[in-house]
Full PDB file with SEQRES, HELIX, SHEET, SSBOND, CRYST1, ORIGX, SCALE, CONECT and MASTER records, all heavy atoms in Angstrom:
SEQRES   1 A   42  GLU GLY ALA VAL GLU ALA ALA TYR ASP VAL ASP GLY ASN          
SEQRES   2 A   42  GLY ARG ILE VAL LYS VAL GLU ILE LEU LYS SER LEU GLY          
SEQRES   3 A   42  TYR GLY CYS ASP GLU GLU VAL ILE ARG LEU ILE LYS LEU          
SEQRES   4 A   42  LEU LYS PHE                                                  
HELIX    1 AA1 CYS A   29  LEU A   39  1                                  11    
SHEET    1 AA1 2 GLU A   5  VAL A  10  0                                        
SHEET    2 AA1 2 ILE A  16  LYS A  23 -1                                        
CRYST1    1.000    1.000    1.000  90.00  90.00  90.00 P 1           1          
ORIGX1      1.000000  0.000000  0.000000        0.00000                         
ORIGX2      0.000000  1.000000  0.000000        0.00000                         
ORIGX3      0.000000  0.000000  1.000000        0.00000                         
SCALE1      1.000000  0.000000  0.000000        0.00000                         
SCALE2      0.000000  1.000000  0.000000        0.00000                         
SCALE3      0.000000  0.000000  1.000000        0.00000                         
ATOM      1  N   GLU A   1    -279.242 104.532-199.072  1.00  0.00           N  
ATOM      2  CA  GLU A   1    -278.238 105.195-198.256  1.00  0.00           C  
ATOM      3  C   GLU A   1    -277.721 106.402-199.027  1.00  0.00           C  
ATOM      4  O   GLU A   1    -277.774 106.422-200.260  1.00  0.00           O  
ATOM      5  CB  GLU A   1    -277.039 104.274-197.947  1.00  0.00           C  
ATOM      6  CG  GLU A   1    -277.297 103.239-196.944  1.00  0.00           C  
ATOM      7  CD  GLU A   1    -276.034 102.471-196.590  1.00  0.00           C  
ATOM      8  OE1 GLU A   1    -275.176 102.267-197.464  1.00  0.00           O  
ATOM      9  OE2 GLU A   1    -275.905 102.059-195.432  1.00  0.00           O  
ATOM     10  N   GLY A   2    -277.208 107.397-198.319  1.00  0.00           N  
ATOM     11  CA  GLY A   2    -276.644 108.538-198.995  1.00  0.00           C  
ATOM     12  C   GLY A   2    -276.739 109.771-198.110  1.00  0.00           C  
ATOM     13  O   GLY A   2    -276.923 109.687-196.877  1.00  0.00           O  
ATOM     14  N   ALA A   3    -276.592 110.952-198.728  1.00  0.00           N  
ATOM     15  CA  ALA A   3    -276.599 112.183-197.973  1.00  0.00           C  
ATOM     16  C   ALA A   3    -277.592 113.155-198.596  1.00  0.00           C  
ATOM     17  O   ALA A   3    -277.762 113.176-199.818  1.00  0.00           O  
ATOM     18  CB  ALA A   3    -275.192 112.809-197.980  1.00  0.00           C  
ATOM     19  N   VAL A   4    -278.216 113.949-197.741  1.00  0.00           N  
ATOM     20  CA  VAL A   4    -279.101 115.020-198.155  1.00  0.00           C  
ATOM     21  C   VAL A   4    -278.438 116.300-197.702  1.00  0.00           C  
ATOM     22  O   VAL A   4    -278.030 116.436-196.554  1.00  0.00           O  
ATOM     23  CB  VAL A   4    -280.508 114.879-197.515  1.00  0.00           C  
ATOM     24  CG1 VAL A   4    -281.366 116.094-197.849  1.00  0.00           C  
ATOM     25  CG2 VAL A   4    -281.168 113.603-197.969  1.00  0.00           C  
ATOM     26  N   GLU A   5    -278.313 117.260-198.627  1.00  0.00           N  
ATOM     27  CA  GLU A   5    -277.734 118.543-198.317  1.00  0.00           C  
ATOM     28  C   GLU A   5    -278.838 119.601-198.393  1.00  0.00           C  
ATOM     29  O   GLU A   5    -279.568 119.650-199.385  1.00  0.00           O  
ATOM     30  CB  GLU A   5    -276.580 118.878-199.252  1.00  0.00           C  
ATOM     31  CG  GLU A   5    -275.748 120.053-198.788  1.00  0.00           C  
ATOM     32  CD  GLU A   5    -274.502 120.219-199.629  1.00  0.00           C  
ATOM     33  OE1 GLU A   5    -274.029 119.276-200.246  1.00  0.00           O  
ATOM     34  OE2 GLU A   5    -274.039 121.354-199.668  1.00  0.00           O  
ATOM     35  N   ALA A   6    -278.896 120.444-197.381  1.00  0.00           N  
ATOM     36  CA  ALA A   6    -279.934 121.453-197.328  1.00  0.00           C  
ATOM     37  C   ALA A   6    -279.352 122.822-196.980  1.00  0.00           C  
ATOM     38  O   ALA A   6    -278.359 122.901-196.271  1.00  0.00           O  
ATOM     39  CB  ALA A   6    -281.004 121.091-196.305  1.00  0.00           C  
ATOM     40  N   ALA A   7    -279.973 123.864-197.506  1.00  0.00           N  
ATOM     41  CA  ALA A   7    -279.627 125.241-197.141  1.00  0.00           C  
ATOM     42  C   ALA A   7    -280.822 125.816-196.408  1.00  0.00           C  
ATOM     43  O   ALA A   7    -281.964 125.518-196.718  1.00  0.00           O  
ATOM     44  CB  ALA A   7    -279.337 126.050-198.416  1.00  0.00           C  
ATOM     45  N   TYR A   8    -280.543 126.643-195.408  1.00  0.00           N  
ATOM     46  CA  TYR A   8    -281.625 127.249-194.633  1.00  0.00           C  
ATOM     47  C   TYR A   8    -281.202 128.600-194.145  1.00  0.00           C  
ATOM     48  O   TYR A   8    -280.029 128.953-194.088  1.00  0.00           O  
ATOM     49  CB  TYR A   8    -282.054 126.332-193.493  1.00  0.00           C  
ATOM     50  CG  TYR A   8    -280.946 125.979-192.525  1.00  0.00           C  
ATOM     51  CD1 TYR A   8    -280.749 126.664-191.330  1.00  0.00           C  
ATOM     52  CD2 TYR A   8    -280.091 124.897-192.818  1.00  0.00           C  
ATOM     53  CE1 TYR A   8    -279.744 126.314-190.460  1.00  0.00           C  
ATOM     54  CE2 TYR A   8    -279.095 124.549-191.917  1.00  0.00           C  
ATOM     55  CZ  TYR A   8    -278.930 125.262-190.764  1.00  0.00           C  
ATOM     56  OH  TYR A   8    -277.911 124.914-189.892  1.00  0.00           O  
ATOM     57  N   ASP A   9    -282.193 129.429-193.804  1.00  0.00           N  
ATOM     58  CA  ASP A   9    -281.955 130.766-193.302  1.00  0.00           C  
ATOM     59  C   ASP A   9    -282.340 130.815-191.850  1.00  0.00           C  
ATOM     60  O   ASP A   9    -283.353 130.248-191.414  1.00  0.00           O  
ATOM     61  CB  ASP A   9    -282.794 131.789-194.095  1.00  0.00           C  
ATOM     62  CG  ASP A   9    -282.365 131.926-195.529  1.00  0.00           C  
ATOM     63  OD1 ASP A   9    -281.245 131.510-195.862  1.00  0.00           O  
ATOM     64  OD2 ASP A   9    -283.174 132.440-196.352  1.00  0.00           O  
ATOM     65  N   VAL A  10    -281.492 131.519-191.078  1.00  0.00           N  
ATOM     66  CA  VAL A  10    -281.744 131.723-189.658  1.00  0.00           C  
ATOM     67  C   VAL A  10    -282.002 133.234-189.478  1.00  0.00           C  
ATOM     68  O   VAL A  10    -281.136 134.053-189.828  1.00  0.00           O  
ATOM     69  CB  VAL A  10    -280.526 131.287-188.802  1.00  0.00           C  
ATOM     70  CG1 VAL A  10    -280.821 131.509-187.325  1.00  0.00           C  
ATOM     71  CG2 VAL A  10    -280.200 129.845-189.086  1.00  0.00           C  
ATOM     72  N   ASP A  11    -283.165 133.588-188.960  1.00  0.00           N  
ATOM     73  CA  ASP A  11    -283.445 135.022-188.768  1.00  0.00           C  
ATOM     74  C   ASP A  11    -282.719 135.576-187.558  1.00  0.00           C  
ATOM     75  O   ASP A  11    -282.020 134.860-186.860  1.00  0.00           O  
ATOM     76  CB  ASP A  11    -284.949 135.276-188.714  1.00  0.00           C  
ATOM     77  CG  ASP A  11    -285.634 134.772-187.437  1.00  0.00           C  
ATOM     78  OD1 ASP A  11    -284.911 134.329-186.527  1.00  0.00           O  
ATOM     79  OD2 ASP A  11    -286.859 134.883-187.355  1.00  0.00           O  
ATOM     80  N   GLY A  12    -282.882 136.866-187.296  1.00  0.00           N  
ATOM     81  CA  GLY A  12    -282.168 137.543-186.216  1.00  0.00           C  
ATOM     82  C   GLY A  12    -282.514 137.015-184.854  1.00  0.00           C  
ATOM     83  O   GLY A  12    -281.770 137.202-183.901  1.00  0.00           O  
ATOM     84  N   ASN A  13    -283.632 136.335-184.731  1.00  0.00           N  
ATOM     85  CA  ASN A  13    -284.033 135.782-183.415  1.00  0.00           C  
ATOM     86  C   ASN A  13    -283.611 134.317-183.258  1.00  0.00           C  
ATOM     87  O   ASN A  13    -283.911 133.693-182.248  1.00  0.00           O  
ATOM     88  CB  ASN A  13    -285.561 135.868-183.268  1.00  0.00           C  
ATOM     89  CG  ASN A  13    -286.015 137.281-183.115  1.00  0.00           C  
ATOM     90  OD1 ASN A  13    -285.355 138.071-182.409  1.00  0.00           O  
ATOM     91  ND2 ASN A  13    -287.128 137.638-183.744  1.00  0.00           N  
ATOM     92  N   GLY A  14    -282.934 133.758-184.253  1.00  0.00           N  
ATOM     93  CA  GLY A  14    -282.437 132.374-184.151  1.00  0.00           C  
ATOM     94  C   GLY A  14    -283.422 131.331-184.629  1.00  0.00           C  
ATOM     95  O   GLY A  14    -283.196 130.138-184.426  1.00  0.00           O  
ATOM     96  N   ARG A  15    -284.488 131.737-185.300  1.00  0.00           N  
ATOM     97  CA  ARG A  15    -285.465 130.811-185.811  1.00  0.00           C  
ATOM     98  C   ARG A  15    -285.206 130.487-187.274  1.00  0.00           C  
ATOM     99  O   ARG A  15    -284.671 131.313-188.037  1.00  0.00           O  
ATOM    100  CB  ARG A  15    -286.881 131.412-185.696  1.00  0.00           C  
ATOM    101  CG  ARG A  15    -287.304 131.622-184.273  1.00  0.00           C  
ATOM    102  CD  ARG A  15    -288.633 132.255-184.246  1.00  0.00           C  
ATOM    103  NE  ARG A  15    -288.558 133.555-184.956  1.00  0.00           N  
ATOM    104  CZ  ARG A  15    -289.304 134.600-184.663  1.00  0.00           C  
ATOM    105  NH1 ARG A  15    -290.192 134.531-183.743  1.00  0.00           N  
ATOM    106  NH2 ARG A  15    -289.140 135.726-185.337  1.00  0.00           N  
ATOM    107  N   ILE A  16    -285.588 129.280-187.690  1.00  0.00           N  
ATOM    108  CA  ILE A  16    -285.434 128.841-189.079  1.00  0.00           C  
ATOM    109  C   ILE A  16    -286.611 129.431-189.875  1.00  0.00           C  
ATOM    110  O   ILE A  16    -287.756 129.233-189.507  1.00  0.00           O  
ATOM    111  CB  ILE A  16    -285.440 127.328-189.180  1.00  0.00           C  
ATOM    112  CG1 ILE A  16    -284.374 126.695-188.258  1.00  0.00           C  
ATOM    113  CG2 ILE A  16    -285.231 126.862-190.611  1.00  0.00           C  
ATOM    114  CD1 ILE A  16    -282.965 127.132-188.539  1.00  0.00           C  
ATOM    115  N   VAL A  17    -286.290 130.145-190.970  1.00  0.00           N  
ATOM    116  CA  VAL A  17    -287.373 130.763-191.730  1.00  0.00           C  
ATOM    117  C   VAL A  17    -287.550 130.164-193.131  1.00  0.00           C  
ATOM    118  O   VAL A  17    -288.624 130.275-193.694  1.00  0.00           O  
ATOM    119  CB  VAL A  17    -287.148 132.318-191.851  1.00  0.00           C  
ATOM    120  CG1 VAL A  17    -287.350 132.958-190.523  1.00  0.00           C  
ATOM    121  CG2 VAL A  17    -285.803 132.642-192.424  1.00  0.00           C  
ATOM    122  N   LYS A  18    -286.534 129.525-193.670  1.00  0.00           N  
ATOM    123  CA  LYS A  18    -286.642 128.992-195.025  1.00  0.00           C  
ATOM    124  C   LYS A  18    -285.692 127.793-195.145  1.00  0.00           C  
ATOM    125  O   LYS A  18    -284.539 127.868-194.745  1.00  0.00           O  
ATOM    126  CB  LYS A  18    -286.254 130.055-196.032  1.00  0.00           C  
ATOM    127  CG  LYS A  18    -286.308 129.645-197.463  1.00  0.00           C  
ATOM    128  CD  LYS A  18    -285.874 130.792-198.359  1.00  0.00           C  
ATOM    129  CE  LYS A  18    -285.396 130.274-199.681  1.00  0.00           C  
ATOM    130  NZ  LYS A  18    -284.800 131.320-200.499  1.00  0.00           N  
ATOM    131  N   VAL A  19    -286.182 126.693-195.739  1.00  0.00           N  
ATOM    132  CA  VAL A  19    -285.360 125.489-195.909  1.00  0.00           C  
ATOM    133  C   VAL A  19    -285.473 125.090-197.354  1.00  0.00           C  
ATOM    134  O   VAL A  19    -286.568 125.048-197.939  1.00  0.00           O  
ATOM    135  CB  VAL A  19    -285.818 124.324-195.003  1.00  0.00           C  
ATOM    136  CG1 VAL A  19    -284.955 123.115-195.210  1.00  0.00           C  
ATOM    137  CG2 VAL A  19    -285.858 124.747-193.559  1.00  0.00           C  
ATOM    138  N   GLU A  20    -284.313 124.783-197.991  1.00  0.00           N  
ATOM    139  CA  GLU A  20    -284.298 124.363-199.379  1.00  0.00           C  
ATOM    140  C   GLU A  20    -283.337 123.179-199.489  1.00  0.00           C  
ATOM    141  O   GLU A  20    -282.240 123.194-198.979  1.00  0.00           O  
ATOM    142  CB  GLU A  20    -283.785 125.511-200.227  1.00  0.00           C  
ATOM    143  CG  GLU A  20    -283.709 125.195-201.713  1.00  0.00           C  
ATOM    144  CD  GLU A  20    -283.141 126.375-202.516  1.00  0.00           C  
ATOM    145  OE1 GLU A  20    -283.062 127.482-201.991  1.00  0.00           O  
ATOM    146  OE2 GLU A  20    -282.771 126.116-203.660  1.00  0.00           O  
ATOM    147  N   ILE A  21    -283.790 122.123-200.189  1.00  0.00           N  
ATOM    148  CA  ILE A  21    -282.943 120.934-200.402  1.00  0.00           C  
ATOM    149  C   ILE A  21    -282.047 121.194-201.617  1.00  0.00           C  
ATOM    150  O   ILE A  21    -282.533 121.494-202.704  1.00  0.00           O  
ATOM    151  CB  ILE A  21    -283.808 119.685-200.619  1.00  0.00           C  
ATOM    152  CG1 ILE A  21    -284.709 119.394-199.427  1.00  0.00           C  
ATOM    153  CG2 ILE A  21    -282.951 118.489-200.943  1.00  0.00           C  
ATOM    154  CD1 ILE A  21    -283.958 119.087-198.153  1.00  0.00           C  
ATOM    155  N   LEU A  22    -280.735 121.070-201.390  1.00  0.00           N  
ATOM    156  CA  LEU A  22    -279.752 121.256-202.478  1.00  0.00           C  
ATOM    157  C   LEU A  22    -279.403 119.943-203.152  1.00  0.00           C  
ATOM    158  O   LEU A  22    -279.273 119.903-204.364  1.00  0.00           O  
ATOM    159  CB  LEU A  22    -278.476 121.903-201.916  1.00  0.00           C  
ATOM    160  CG  LEU A  22    -278.627 123.251-201.245  1.00  0.00           C  
ATOM    161  CD1 LEU A  22    -277.310 123.732-200.679  1.00  0.00           C  
ATOM    162  CD2 LEU A  22    -279.192 124.274-202.227  1.00  0.00           C  
ATOM    163  N   LYS A  23    -279.246 118.895-202.362  1.00  0.00           N  
ATOM    164  CA  LYS A  23    -278.927 117.566-202.905  1.00  0.00           C  
ATOM    165  C   LYS A  23    -279.954 116.598-202.335  1.00  0.00           C  
ATOM    166  O   LYS A  23    -279.978 116.329-201.120  1.00  0.00           O  
ATOM    167  CB  LYS A  23    -277.519 117.156-202.506  1.00  0.00           C  
ATOM    168  CG  LYS A  23    -277.127 115.793-203.059  1.00  0.00           C  
ATOM    169  CD  LYS A  23    -275.727 115.396-202.611  1.00  0.00           C  
ATOM    170  CE  LYS A  23    -275.430 113.978-203.057  1.00  0.00           C  
ATOM    171  NZ  LYS A  23    -274.321 113.430-202.333  1.00  0.00           N  
ATOM    172  N   SER A  24    -280.787 116.061-203.200  1.00  0.00           N  
ATOM    173  CA  SER A  24    -281.928 115.235-202.775  1.00  0.00           C  
ATOM    174  C   SER A  24    -281.537 113.741-202.794  1.00  0.00           C  
ATOM    175  O   SER A  24    -280.718 113.314-203.598  1.00  0.00           O  
ATOM    176  CB  SER A  24    -283.084 115.464-203.696  1.00  0.00           C  
ATOM    177  OG  SER A  24    -284.147 114.626-203.371  1.00  0.00           O  
ATOM    178  N   LEU A  25    -282.176 113.003-201.921  1.00  0.00           N  
ATOM    179  CA  LEU A  25    -282.018 111.538-201.887  1.00  0.00           C  
ATOM    180  C   LEU A  25    -283.341 110.851-202.159  1.00  0.00           C  
ATOM    181  O   LEU A  25    -283.367 109.743-202.666  1.00  0.00           O  
ATOM    182  CB  LEU A  25    -281.465 111.112-200.519  1.00  0.00           C  
ATOM    183  CG  LEU A  25    -280.928 109.736-200.361  1.00  0.00           C  
ATOM    184  CD1 LEU A  25    -279.821 109.472-201.325  1.00  0.00           C  
ATOM    185  CD2 LEU A  25    -280.415 109.519-198.957  1.00  0.00           C  
ATOM    186  N   GLY A  26    -284.436 111.510-201.830  1.00  0.00           N  
ATOM    187  CA  GLY A  26    -285.757 110.916-202.070  1.00  0.00           C  
ATOM    188  C   GLY A  26    -286.159 109.915-201.029  1.00  0.00           C  
ATOM    189  O   GLY A  26    -285.500 109.789-199.989  1.00  0.00           O  
ATOM    190  N   TYR A  27    -287.227 109.169-201.283  1.00  0.00           N  
ATOM    191  CA  TYR A  27    -287.720 108.096-200.403  1.00  0.00           C  
ATOM    192  C   TYR A  27    -288.041 108.587-199.010  1.00  0.00           C  
ATOM    193  O   TYR A  27    -287.880 107.845-198.039  1.00  0.00           O  
ATOM    194  CB  TYR A  27    -286.752 106.927-200.373  1.00  0.00           C  
ATOM    195  CG  TYR A  27    -286.516 106.297-201.726  1.00  0.00           C  
ATOM    196  CD1 TYR A  27    -285.454 106.670-202.521  1.00  0.00           C  
ATOM    197  CD2 TYR A  27    -287.397 105.341-202.178  1.00  0.00           C  
ATOM    198  CE1 TYR A  27    -285.264 106.084-203.766  1.00  0.00           C  
ATOM    199  CE2 TYR A  27    -287.215 104.764-203.421  1.00  0.00           C  
ATOM    200  CZ  TYR A  27    -286.141 105.138-204.214  1.00  0.00           C  
ATOM    201  OH  TYR A  27    -285.970 104.574-205.463  1.00  0.00           O  
ATOM    202  N   GLY A  28    -288.411 109.847-198.835  1.00  0.00           N  
ATOM    203  CA  GLY A  28    -288.773 110.384-197.511  1.00  0.00           C  
ATOM    204  C   GLY A  28    -287.631 110.983-196.771  1.00  0.00           C  
ATOM    205  O   GLY A  28    -287.828 111.595-195.713  1.00  0.00           O  
ATOM    206  N   CYS A  29    -286.408 110.870-197.266  1.00  0.00           N  
ATOM    207  CA  CYS A  29    -285.252 111.406-196.562  1.00  0.00           C  
ATOM    208  C   CYS A  29    -285.214 112.942-196.581  1.00  0.00           C  
ATOM    209  O   CYS A  29    -284.865 113.571-195.583  1.00  0.00           O  
ATOM    210  CB  CYS A  29    -283.942 110.844-197.169  1.00  0.00           C  
ATOM    211  SG  CYS A  29    -283.775 109.064-197.011  1.00  0.00           S  
ATOM    212  N   ASP A  30    -285.612 113.533-197.698  1.00  0.00           N  
ATOM    213  CA  ASP A  30    -285.642 114.985-197.823  1.00  0.00           C  
ATOM    214  C   ASP A  30    -286.604 115.598-196.808  1.00  0.00           C  
ATOM    215  O   ASP A  30    -286.275 116.568-196.112  1.00  0.00           O  
ATOM    216  CB  ASP A  30    -286.064 115.406-199.240  1.00  0.00           C  
ATOM    217  CG  ASP A  30    -285.115 114.892-200.291  1.00  0.00           C  
ATOM    218  OD1 ASP A  30    -284.007 114.431-199.954  1.00  0.00           O  
ATOM    219  OD2 ASP A  30    -285.511 114.955-201.472  1.00  0.00           O  
ATOM    220  N   GLU A  31    -287.781 114.993-196.658  1.00  0.00           N  
ATOM    221  CA  GLU A  31    -288.768 115.477-195.726  1.00  0.00           C  
ATOM    222  C   GLU A  31    -288.293 115.355-194.303  1.00  0.00           C  
ATOM    223  O   GLU A  31    -288.542 116.215-193.448  1.00  0.00           O  
ATOM    224  CB  GLU A  31    -290.116 114.724-195.897  1.00  0.00           C  
ATOM    225  CG  GLU A  31    -290.831 115.035-197.179  1.00  0.00           C  
ATOM    226  CD  GLU A  31    -290.280 114.280-198.408  1.00  0.00           C  
ATOM    227  OE1 GLU A  31    -289.406 113.379-198.231  1.00  0.00           O  
ATOM    228  OE2 GLU A  31    -290.720 114.558-199.535  1.00  0.00           O  
ATOM    229  N   GLU A  32    -287.532 114.282-193.996  1.00  0.00           N  
ATOM    230  CA  GLU A  32    -286.985 114.083-192.656  1.00  0.00           C  
ATOM    231  C   GLU A  32    -285.956 115.164-192.324  1.00  0.00           C  
ATOM    232  O   GLU A  32    -285.910 115.685-191.214  1.00  0.00           O  
ATOM    233  CB  GLU A  32    -286.377 112.689-192.532  1.00  0.00           C  
ATOM    234  CG  GLU A  32    -285.766 112.396-191.188  1.00  0.00           C  
ATOM    235  CD  GLU A  32    -286.756 112.443-190.043  1.00  0.00           C  
ATOM    236  OE1 GLU A  32    -287.972 112.426-190.250  1.00  0.00           O  
ATOM    237  OE2 GLU A  32    -286.274 112.518-188.880  1.00  0.00           O  
ATOM    238  N   VAL A  33    -285.115 115.508-193.302  1.00  0.00           N  
ATOM    239  CA  VAL A  33    -284.118 116.568-193.075  1.00  0.00           C  
ATOM    240  C   VAL A  33    -284.807 117.921-192.841  1.00  0.00           C  
ATOM    241  O   VAL A  33    -284.436 118.672-191.948  1.00  0.00           O  
ATOM    242  CB  VAL A  33    -283.117 116.641-194.261  1.00  0.00           C  
ATOM    243  CG1 VAL A  33    -282.254 117.874-194.158  1.00  0.00           C  
ATOM    244  CG2 VAL A  33    -282.265 115.382-194.271  1.00  0.00           C  
ATOM    245  N   ILE A  34    -285.847 118.216-193.630  1.00  0.00           N  
ATOM    246  CA  ILE A  34    -286.595 119.457-193.441  1.00  0.00           C  
ATOM    247  C   ILE A  34    -287.213 119.498-192.038  1.00  0.00           C  
ATOM    248  O   ILE A  34    -287.147 120.488-191.330  1.00  0.00           O  
ATOM    249  CB  ILE A  34    -287.661 119.623-194.539  1.00  0.00           C  
ATOM    250  CG1 ILE A  34    -286.982 119.884-195.877  1.00  0.00           C  
ATOM    251  CG2 ILE A  34    -288.629 120.760-194.195  1.00  0.00           C  
ATOM    252  CD1 ILE A  34    -287.896 119.851-197.059  1.00  0.00           C  
ATOM    253  N   ARG A  35    -287.788 118.369-191.606  1.00  0.00           N  
ATOM    254  CA  ARG A  35    -288.372 118.288-190.254  1.00  0.00           C  
ATOM    255  C   ARG A  35    -287.325 118.583-189.188  1.00  0.00           C  
ATOM    256  O   ARG A  35    -287.576 119.334-188.256  1.00  0.00           O  
ATOM    257  CB  ARG A  35    -289.002 116.930-190.027  1.00  0.00           C  
ATOM    258  CG  ARG A  35    -289.684 116.765-188.692  1.00  0.00           C  
ATOM    259  CD  ARG A  35    -290.078 115.324-188.427  1.00  0.00           C  
ATOM    260  NE  ARG A  35    -288.927 114.498-188.124  1.00  0.00           N  
ATOM    261  CZ  ARG A  35    -288.360 114.397-186.908  1.00  0.00           C  
ATOM    262  NH1 ARG A  35    -288.824 115.121-185.891  1.00  0.00           N  
ATOM    263  NH2 ARG A  35    -287.326 113.591-186.720  1.00  0.00           N  
ATOM    264  N   LEU A  36    -286.143 117.974-189.323  1.00  0.00           N  
ATOM    265  CA  LEU A  36    -285.081 118.158-188.329  1.00  0.00           C  
ATOM    266  C   LEU A  36    -284.601 119.612-188.291  1.00  0.00           C  
ATOM    267  O   LEU A  36    -284.411 120.171-187.214  1.00  0.00           O  
ATOM    268  CB  LEU A  36    -283.884 117.242-188.675  1.00  0.00           C  
ATOM    269  CG  LEU A  36    -283.965 115.806-188.206  1.00  0.00           C  
ATOM    270  CD1 LEU A  36    -282.778 115.039-188.694  1.00  0.00           C  
ATOM    271  CD2 LEU A  36    -284.068 115.736-186.676  1.00  0.00           C  
ATOM    272  N   ILE A  37    -284.397 120.214-189.469  1.00  0.00           N  
ATOM    273  CA  ILE A  37    -283.889 121.575-189.530  1.00  0.00           C  
ATOM    274  C   ILE A  37    -284.892 122.534-188.875  1.00  0.00           C  
ATOM    275  O   ILE A  37    -284.509 123.464-188.160  1.00  0.00           O  
ATOM    276  CB  ILE A  37    -283.567 121.957-190.958  1.00  0.00           C  
ATOM    277  CG1 ILE A  37    -282.312 121.216-191.445  1.00  0.00           C  
ATOM    278  CG2 ILE A  37    -283.333 123.472-191.091  1.00  0.00           C  
ATOM    279  CD1 ILE A  37    -281.943 121.429-192.886  1.00  0.00           C  
ATOM    280  N   LYS A  38    -286.181 122.300-189.092  1.00  0.00           N  
ATOM    281  CA  LYS A  38    -287.196 123.190-188.490  1.00  0.00           C  
ATOM    282  C   LYS A  38    -287.243 123.091-186.977  1.00  0.00           C  
ATOM    283  O   LYS A  38    -287.733 123.976-186.300  1.00  0.00           O  
ATOM    284  CB  LYS A  38    -288.570 122.885-189.088  1.00  0.00           C  
ATOM    285  CG  LYS A  38    -288.673 123.388-190.525  1.00  0.00           C  
ATOM    286  CD  LYS A  38    -290.083 123.165-191.072  1.00  0.00           C  
ATOM    287  CE  LYS A  38    -290.197 123.730-192.474  1.00  0.00           C  
ATOM    288  NZ  LYS A  38    -291.527 123.561-193.032  1.00  0.00           N  
ATOM    289  N   LEU A  39    -286.653 122.021-186.406  1.00  0.00           N  
ATOM    290  CA  LEU A  39    -286.621 121.874-184.947  1.00  0.00           C  
ATOM    291  C   LEU A  39    -285.435 122.637-184.325  1.00  0.00           C  
ATOM    292  O   LEU A  39    -285.418 122.826-183.098  1.00  0.00           O  
ATOM    293  CB  LEU A  39    -286.510 120.400-184.567  1.00  0.00           C  
ATOM    294  CG  LEU A  39    -287.702 119.506-184.884  1.00  0.00           C  
ATOM    295  CD1 LEU A  39    -287.375 118.075-184.558  1.00  0.00           C  
ATOM    296  CD2 LEU A  39    -288.930 119.967-184.099  1.00  0.00           C  
ATOM    297  N   LEU A  40    -284.465 123.054-185.128  1.00  0.00           N  
ATOM    298  CA  LEU A  40    -283.252 123.667-184.606  1.00  0.00           C  
ATOM    299  C   LEU A  40    -283.539 125.062-184.024  1.00  0.00           C  
ATOM    300  O   LEU A  40    -284.380 125.802-184.544  1.00  0.00           O  
ATOM    301  CB  LEU A  40    -282.204 123.788-185.706  1.00  0.00           C  
ATOM    302  CG  LEU A  40    -281.692 122.472-186.311  1.00  0.00           C  
ATOM    303  CD1 LEU A  40    -280.738 122.792-187.439  1.00  0.00           C  
ATOM    304  CD2 LEU A  40    -281.015 121.647-185.270  1.00  0.00           C  
ATOM    305  N   LYS A  41    -282.798 125.415-182.972  1.00  0.00           N  
ATOM    306  CA  LYS A  41    -282.864 126.746-182.353  1.00  0.00           C  
ATOM    307  C   LYS A  41    -281.467 127.300-182.301  1.00  0.00           C  
ATOM    308  O   LYS A  41    -280.551 126.656-181.771  1.00  0.00           O  
ATOM    309  CB  LYS A  41    -283.425 126.662-180.953  1.00  0.00           C  
ATOM    310  CG  LYS A  41    -284.816 126.052-180.862  1.00  0.00           C  
ATOM    311  CD  LYS A  41    -285.871 127.048-181.277  1.00  0.00           C  
ATOM    312  CE  LYS A  41    -287.238 126.455-181.021  1.00  0.00           C  
ATOM    313  NZ  LYS A  41    -288.096 126.532-182.101  1.00  0.00           N  
ATOM    314  N   PHE A  42    -281.259 128.490-182.824  1.00  0.00           N  
ATOM    315  CA  PHE A  42    -279.959 129.132-182.852  1.00  0.00           C  
ATOM    316  C   PHE A  42    -279.927 130.346-181.945  1.00  0.00           C  
ATOM    317  O   PHE A  42    -280.967 130.897-181.575  1.00  0.00           O  
ATOM    318  CB  PHE A  42    -279.611 129.562-184.296  1.00  0.00           C  
ATOM    319  CG  PHE A  42    -279.218 128.424-185.181  1.00  0.00           C  
ATOM    320  CD1 PHE A  42    -280.184 127.656-185.802  1.00  0.00           C  
ATOM    321  CD2 PHE A  42    -277.893 128.118-185.400  1.00  0.00           C  
ATOM    322  CE1 PHE A  42    -279.836 126.589-186.620  1.00  0.00           C  
ATOM    323  CE2 PHE A  42    -277.528 127.058-186.215  1.00  0.00           C  
ATOM    324  CZ  PHE A  42    -278.497 126.304-186.838  1.00  0.00           C  
TER     325      PHE A  42                                                      
MASTER        0    0    0    1    2    0    0    6  324    1    0    4          
END                                                                             
């Protein structure tokens, strides 16, 4: 259990262009957060 903190960039069109994990938890949680962030639309 715990929290994963990530930083990401949103380009001018609202798409995610870069994702970086700031606070890792491991055990597949980091990859799940990256997957979720890449699905976001702004």
